[in-house]
C-alpha atoms as a PDB file:
ATOM      1  CA  MET A   1     -44.632   5.228   8.842  1.00  0.00           C
ATOM      2  CA  ALA A   2     -45.955   7.697   6.897  1.00  0.00           C
ATOM      3  CA  SER A   3     -44.106  11.099   7.835  1.00  0.00           C
ATOM      4  CA  LEU A   4     -40.867   8.935   7.502  1.00  0.00           C
ATOM      5  CA  MET A   5     -41.333   8.363   4.190  1.00  0.00           C
ATOM      6  CA  GLU A   6     -42.562  11.920   3.460  1.00  0.00           C
ATOM      7  CA  ASP A   7     -38.898  12.793   5.528  1.00  0.00           C
ATOM      8  CA  LEU A   8     -37.322  10.608   3.328  1.00  0.00           C
ATOM      9  CA  ILE A   9     -38.615  11.724   0.243  1.00  0.00           C
ATOM     10  CA  GLU A  10     -38.008  15.105   1.403  1.00  0.00           C
ATOM     11  CA  VAL A  11     -34.522  14.273   1.923  1.00  0.00           C
ATOM     12  CA  LEU A  12     -33.850  12.775  -1.049  1.00  0.00           C
ATOM     13  CA  ASN A  13     -35.659  15.768  -3.100  1.00  0.00           C
ATOM     14  CA  GLN A  14     -33.132  17.957  -1.246  1.00  0.00           C
ATOM     15  CA  GLU A  15     -30.253  15.472  -2.430  1.00  0.00           C
ATOM     16  CA  CYS A  16     -31.304  15.785  -5.907  1.00  0.00           C
ATOM     17  CA  ILE A  17     -30.563  19.773  -5.444  1.00  0.00           C
ATOM     18  CA  ALA A  18     -27.465  19.477  -4.148  1.00  0.00           C
ATOM     19  CA  TYR A  19     -26.065  16.672  -6.509  1.00  0.00           C
ATOM     20  CA  ASP A  20     -27.991  18.919  -9.706  1.00  0.00           C
ATOM     21  CA  GLU A  21     -25.606  22.534  -7.682  1.00  0.00           C
ATOM     22  CA  LEU A  22     -22.677  19.971  -7.637  1.00  0.00           C
ATOM     23  CA  LEU A  23     -22.638  18.965 -11.541  1.00  0.00           C
ATOM     24  CA  GLY A  24     -23.234  22.452 -12.272  1.00  0.00           C
ATOM     25  CA  LEU A  25     -20.560  23.091 -10.634  1.00  0.00           C
ATOM     26  CA  SER A  26     -18.287  20.377 -12.379  1.00  0.00           C
ATOM     27  CA  SER A  27     -19.429  21.043 -15.780  1.00  0.00           C
ATOM     28  CA  LYS A  28     -18.327  24.877 -15.046  1.00  0.00           C
ATOM     29  CA  LYS A  29     -15.114  22.860 -14.285  1.00  0.00           C
ATOM     30  CA  THR A  30     -14.662  21.238 -17.879  1.00  0.00           C
ATOM     31  CA  PRO A  31     -13.826  24.313 -19.954  1.00  0.00           C
ATOM     32  CA  VAL A  32     -11.617  26.099 -16.646  1.00  0.00           C
ATOM     33  CA  ILE A  33      -8.980  22.748 -16.789  1.00  0.00           C
ATOM     34  CA  ALA A  34      -9.132  22.592 -20.702  1.00  0.00           C
ATOM     35  CA  ALA A  35      -8.134  26.615 -20.437  1.00  0.00           C
ATOM     36  CA  GLY A  36      -5.425  26.501 -17.862  1.00  0.00           C
ATOM     37  CA  ASP A  37      -7.285  29.067 -15.526  1.00  0.00           C
ATOM     38  CA  LEU A  38      -5.793  27.759 -11.995  1.00  0.00           C
ATOM     39  CA  GLU A  39      -7.439  30.530  -9.795  1.00  0.00           C
ATOM     40  CA  LYS A  40     -10.968  29.905 -11.280  1.00  0.00           C
ATOM     41  CA  LEU A  41     -10.267  26.319 -10.971  1.00  0.00           C
ATOM     42  CA  SER A  42      -9.153  26.652  -7.144  1.00  0.00           C
ATOM     43  CA  GLN A  43     -13.107  28.863  -7.037  1.00  0.00           C
ATOM     44  CA  ILE A  44     -15.178  26.400  -7.963  1.00  0.00           C
ATOM     45  CA  THR A  45     -13.242  23.538  -6.382  1.00  0.00           C
ATOM     46  CA  ASP A  46     -13.730  25.398  -3.021  1.00  0.00           C
ATOM     47  CA  GLU A  47     -17.033  26.303  -4.164  1.00  0.00           C
ATOM     48  CA  GLU A  48     -17.360  21.823  -4.718  1.00  0.00           C
ATOM     49  CA  GLN A  49     -16.524  21.720  -1.164  1.00  0.00           C
ATOM     50  CA  ILE A  50     -19.422  23.433  -0.170  1.00  0.00           C
ATOM     51  CA  ALA A  51     -21.721  21.301  -1.946  1.00  0.00           C
ATOM     52  CA  VAL A  52     -20.169  18.500  -1.144  1.00  0.00           C
ATOM     53  CA  GLY A  53     -20.214  19.386   2.741  1.00  0.00           C
ATOM     54  CA  LYS A  54     -24.035  19.832   2.054  1.00  0.00           C
ATOM     55  CA  ILE A  55     -24.585  16.344   0.289  1.00  0.00           C
ATOM     56  CA  GLN A  56     -22.864  14.678   3.191  1.00  0.00           C
ATOM     57  CA  LYS A  57     -25.642  16.199   5.489  1.00  0.00           C
ATOM     58  CA  LEU A  58     -28.103  15.168   3.759  1.00  0.00           C
ATOM     59  CA  GLU A  59     -26.561  11.738   3.570  1.00  0.00           C
ATOM     60  CA  LYS A  60     -26.387  11.391   7.167  1.00  0.00           C
ATOM     61  CA  ARG A  61     -29.406  12.415   7.462  1.00  0.00           C
ATOM     62  CA  ARG A  62     -31.100  10.104   4.713  1.00  0.00           C
ATOM     63  CA  VAL A  63     -29.291   7.026   7.059  1.00  0.00           C
ATOM     64  CA  GLU A  64     -31.028   8.787   9.969  1.00  0.00           C
ATOM     65  CA  VAL A  65     -34.585   7.951   8.568  1.00  0.00           C
ATOM     66  CA  MET A  66     -33.763   4.881   6.903  1.00  0.00           C
ATOM     67  CA  THR A  67     -32.850   3.129   9.914  1.00  0.00           C
ATOM     68  CA  ASP A  68     -35.862   4.653  11.221  1.00  0.00           C
ATOM     69  CA  ILE A  69     -38.000   3.215   8.920  1.00  0.00           C
ATOM     70  CA  ALA A  70     -35.527  -0.379   8.920  1.00  0.00           C
ATOM     71  CA  ASN A  71     -36.754   0.010  12.734  1.00  0.00           C
ATOM     72  CA  VAL A  72     -40.456   0.467  12.106  1.00  0.00           C
ATOM     73  CA  LEU A  73     -40.457  -2.366   9.141  1.00  0.00           C
ATOM     74  CA  ASN A  74     -37.800  -4.262  11.334  1.00  0.00           C
ATOM     75  CA  LYS A  75     -35.603  -4.890   8.775  1.00  0.00           C
ATOM     76  CA  ASP A  76     -31.591  -4.269   8.791  1.00  0.00           C
ATOM     77  CA  VAL A  77     -31.233  -0.983   7.531  1.00  0.00           C
ATOM     78  CA  LYS A  78     -28.064  -2.375   5.580  1.00  0.00           C
ATOM     79  CA  THR A  79     -29.752  -4.350   3.945  1.00  0.00           C
ATOM     80  CA  LEU A  80     -32.647  -2.444   3.229  1.00  0.00           C
ATOM     81  CA  LYS A  81     -32.462  -0.222  -0.497  1.00  0.00           C
ATOM     82  CA  LEU A  82     -34.757   2.402  -1.394  1.00  0.00           C
ATOM     83  CA  THR A  83     -35.974  -0.321  -4.577  1.00  0.00           C
ATOM     84  CA  GLU A  84     -37.487  -2.773  -1.748  1.00  0.00           C
ATOM     85  CA  LEU A  85     -38.928   0.541  -0.200  1.00  0.00           C
ATOM     86  CA  VAL A  86     -40.960   1.138  -3.367  1.00  0.00           C
ATOM     87  CA  ARG A  87     -41.807  -2.660  -3.576  1.00  0.00           C
ATOM     88  CA  MET A  88     -43.045  -2.463  -0.239  1.00  0.00           C
ATOM     89  CA  LEU A  89     -45.495   0.625  -1.117  1.00  0.00           C
ATOM     90  CA  ASP A  90     -48.244  -1.020  -2.881  1.00  0.00           C
ATOM     91  CA  LYS A  91     -50.751  -0.033  -0.866  1.00  0.00           C
ATOM     92  CA  ARG A  92     -49.706   3.564  -1.101  1.00  0.00           C
ATOM     93  CA  PRO A  93     -49.383   4.321  -4.643  1.00  0.00           C
ATOM     94  CA  SER A  94     -48.751   8.013  -4.469  1.00  0.00           C
ATOM     95  CA  GLU A  95     -46.151   7.810  -1.865  1.00  0.00           C
ATOM     96  CA  GLN A  96     -44.247   4.871  -3.974  1.00  0.00           C
ATOM     97  CA  LYS A  97     -45.010   7.048  -7.147  1.00  0.00           C
ATOM     98  CA  GLN A  98     -42.903  10.044  -5.345  1.00  0.00           C
ATOM     99  CA  LEU A  99     -40.451   7.586  -3.854  1.00  0.00           C
ATOM    100  CA  ALA A 100     -39.592   5.918  -7.017  1.00  0.00           C
ATOM    101  CA  GLN A 101     -39.112   9.092  -9.419  1.00  0.00           C
ATOM    102  CA  VAL A 102     -36.832  10.787  -6.449  1.00  0.00           C
ATOM    103  CA  ARG A 103     -35.020   7.573  -6.432  1.00  0.00           C
ATOM    104  CA  ASP A 104     -34.763   7.280 -10.464  1.00  0.00           C
ATOM    105  CA  LYS A 105     -33.783  11.805 -10.729  1.00  0.00           C
ATOM    106  CA  LEU A 106     -31.472  11.064  -7.666  1.00  0.00           C
ATOM    107  CA  LYS A 107     -29.787   7.776  -9.805  1.00  0.00           C
ATOM    108  CA  SER A 108     -29.687   9.722 -13.039  1.00  0.00           C
ATOM    109  CA  ILE A 109     -28.323  13.359 -11.318  1.00  0.00           C
ATOM    110  CA  SER A 110     -25.436  11.181  -9.362  1.00  0.00           C
ATOM    111  CA  GLN A 111     -24.585   9.379 -12.813  1.00  0.00           C
ATOM    112  CA  HIS A 112     -23.883  12.434 -14.383  1.00  0.00           C
ATOM    113  CA  VAL A 113     -21.704  13.511 -12.168  1.00  0.00           C
ATOM    114  CA  ARG A 114     -19.518  11.173 -12.422  1.00  0.00           C
ATOM    115  CA  ILE A 115     -19.414  10.933 -15.645  1.00  0.00           C
ATOM    116  CA  VAL A 116     -18.472  14.804 -15.805  1.00  0.00           C
ATOM    117  CA  ASN A 117     -15.791  14.128 -13.064  1.00  0.00           C
ATOM    118  CA  SER A 118     -14.330  11.047 -14.989  1.00  0.00           C
ATOM    119  CA  GLN A 119     -14.210  13.908 -18.144  1.00  0.00           C
ATOM    120  CA  ASN A 120     -12.445  16.369 -15.606  1.00  0.00           C
ATOM    121  CA  GLN A 121      -9.956  13.416 -14.046  1.00  0.00           C
ATOM    122  CA  GLU A 122      -8.575  13.036 -17.626  1.00  0.00           C
ATOM    123  CA  LEU A 123      -8.479  16.306 -18.841  1.00  0.00           C
ATOM    124  CA  LEU A 124      -6.237  16.776 -15.439  1.00  0.00           C
ATOM    125  CA  GLU A 125      -4.443  14.094 -15.760  1.00  0.00           C
ATOM    126  CA  GLY A 126      -3.546  14.386 -19.341  1.00  0.00           C
ATOM    127  CA  SER A 127      -2.614  18.480 -18.313  1.00  0.00           C
ATOM    128  CA  LEU A 128      -0.389  16.891 -15.807  1.00  0.00           C
ATOM    129  CA  GLU A 129       0.935  14.374 -18.456  1.00  0.00           C
ATOM    130  CA  MET A 130       1.816  17.622 -20.373  1.00  0.00           C
ATOM    131  CA  VAL A 131       3.472  19.428 -17.680  1.00  0.00           C
ATOM    132  CA  GLN A 132       5.820  16.665 -17.402  1.00  0.00           C
ATOM    133  CA  PHE A 133       6.706  16.428 -20.790  1.00  0.00           C
ATOM    134  CA  GLU A 134       7.692  19.922 -20.880  1.00  0.00           C
ATOM    135  CA  MET A 135       9.929  19.707 -18.023  1.00  0.00           C
ATOM    136  CA  ASN A 136      11.563  16.751 -18.912  1.00  0.00           C
ATOM    137  CA  ILE A 137      12.152  18.805 -22.092  1.00  0.00           C
ATOM    138  CA  LEU A 138      13.513  21.410 -20.166  1.00  0.00           C
ATOM    139  CA  GLN A 139      16.007  19.334 -18.236  1.00  0.00           C
ATOM    140  CA  GLN A 140      17.616  17.305 -21.059  1.00  0.00           C
ATOM    141  CA  ALA A 141      17.654  21.069 -22.926  1.00  0.00           C
ATOM    142  CA  GLY A 142      20.896  21.578 -20.754  1.00  0.00           C
ATOM    143  CA  SER A 143      22.484  17.931 -20.998  1.00  0.00           C
ATOM    144  CA  ALA A 144      23.609  18.252 -24.763  1.00  0.00           C
ATOM    145  CA  PRO A 145      25.471  14.866 -25.429  1.00  0.00           C
ATOM    146  CA  GLU A 146      29.064  15.143 -25.661  1.00  0.00           C
ATOM    147  CA  THR A 147      31.364  15.294 -28.199  1.00  0.00           C
ATOM    148  CA  ALA A 148      33.842  12.421 -29.753  1.00  0.00           C
ATOM    149  CA  ASN A 149      37.170  14.951 -28.764  1.00  0.00           C
ATOM    150  CA  TYR A 150      40.108  12.916 -27.487  1.00  0.00           C
ATOM    151  CA  ASP A 151      42.265  14.636 -24.699  1.00  0.00           C
ATOM    152  CA  LYS A 152      46.232  13.307 -25.330  1.00  0.00           C
ATOM    153  CA  THR A 153      45.350   9.943 -22.588  1.00  0.00           C
ATOM    154  CA  ALA A 154      42.786   9.060 -25.624  1.00  0.00           C
ATOM    155  CA  GLY A 155      39.995  10.233 -22.893  1.00  0.00           C
ATOM    156  CA  THR A 156      37.136  12.137 -24.465  1.00  0.00           C
ATOM    157  CA  MET A 157      37.796  16.387 -23.803  1.00  0.00           C
ATOM    158  CA  GLY A 158      34.017  16.675 -22.361  1.00  0.00           C
ATOM    159  CA  SER A 159      32.357  19.225 -24.532  1.00  0.00           C
ATOM    160  CA  LEU A 160      29.110  19.344 -25.532  1.00  0.00           C
ATOM    161  CA  ILE A 161      27.639  19.401 -28.860  1.00  0.00           C
ATOM    162  CA  GLY A 162      25.849  22.485 -29.152  1.00  0.00           C
ATOM    163  CA  THR A 163      27.123  24.567 -26.379  1.00  0.00           C
ATOM    164  CA  ASN A 164      28.411  27.821 -26.682  1.00  0.00           C
ATOM    165  CA  SER A 165      31.501  28.892 -24.669  1.00  0.00           C
ATOM    166  CA  GLY A 166      30.238  32.409 -24.580  1.00  0.00           C
ATOM    167  CA  ARG A 167      32.783  34.106 -26.918  1.00  0.00           C
ATOM    168  CA  PHE A 168      31.661  36.041 -30.176  1.00  0.00           C
ATOM    169  CA  ASP A 169      32.484  34.188 -33.870  1.00  0.00           C
ATOM    170  CA  ALA A 170      33.889  37.249 -35.546  1.00  0.00           C
ATOM    171  CA  ARG A 171      33.727  35.306 -38.631  1.00  0.00           C
ATOM    172  CA  GLN A 172      30.158  35.797 -39.331  1.00  0.00           C
END
């Protein structure tokens, strides 16, 4: 059981490092998004994908260790939480303290990652709205309203306000 706890603490420490790396990348993305530098954004996103891959591998390893611990303790792995494990380690204060510290650190870092990613998402949505707004302006610029000029049959002539017929106005 002691080696399983050491394994769990080690995996959680590695996850903290990986999440810290992801937090750094996400934080670097914020000014890049604001600046609209798509090339740099793509590069950072690629680096984030590598960091997420590391986290997924560590998460898989953590689940394996938690499954082993649950089997030793005769508990259901789906209901066994780190908080419960910390409480169960009353007779091992050093392991209890280490596990509690790494759990708190991981929780804090993952919360920071969520906050930064939420801010980045809002920036991206704002950028997309601005692009959509500009696209609408460009599309509407070509479709000016018609004049109220009528032809002999009382139908509109279909002339557009503000459009130039391509002639040079010599009266200027």
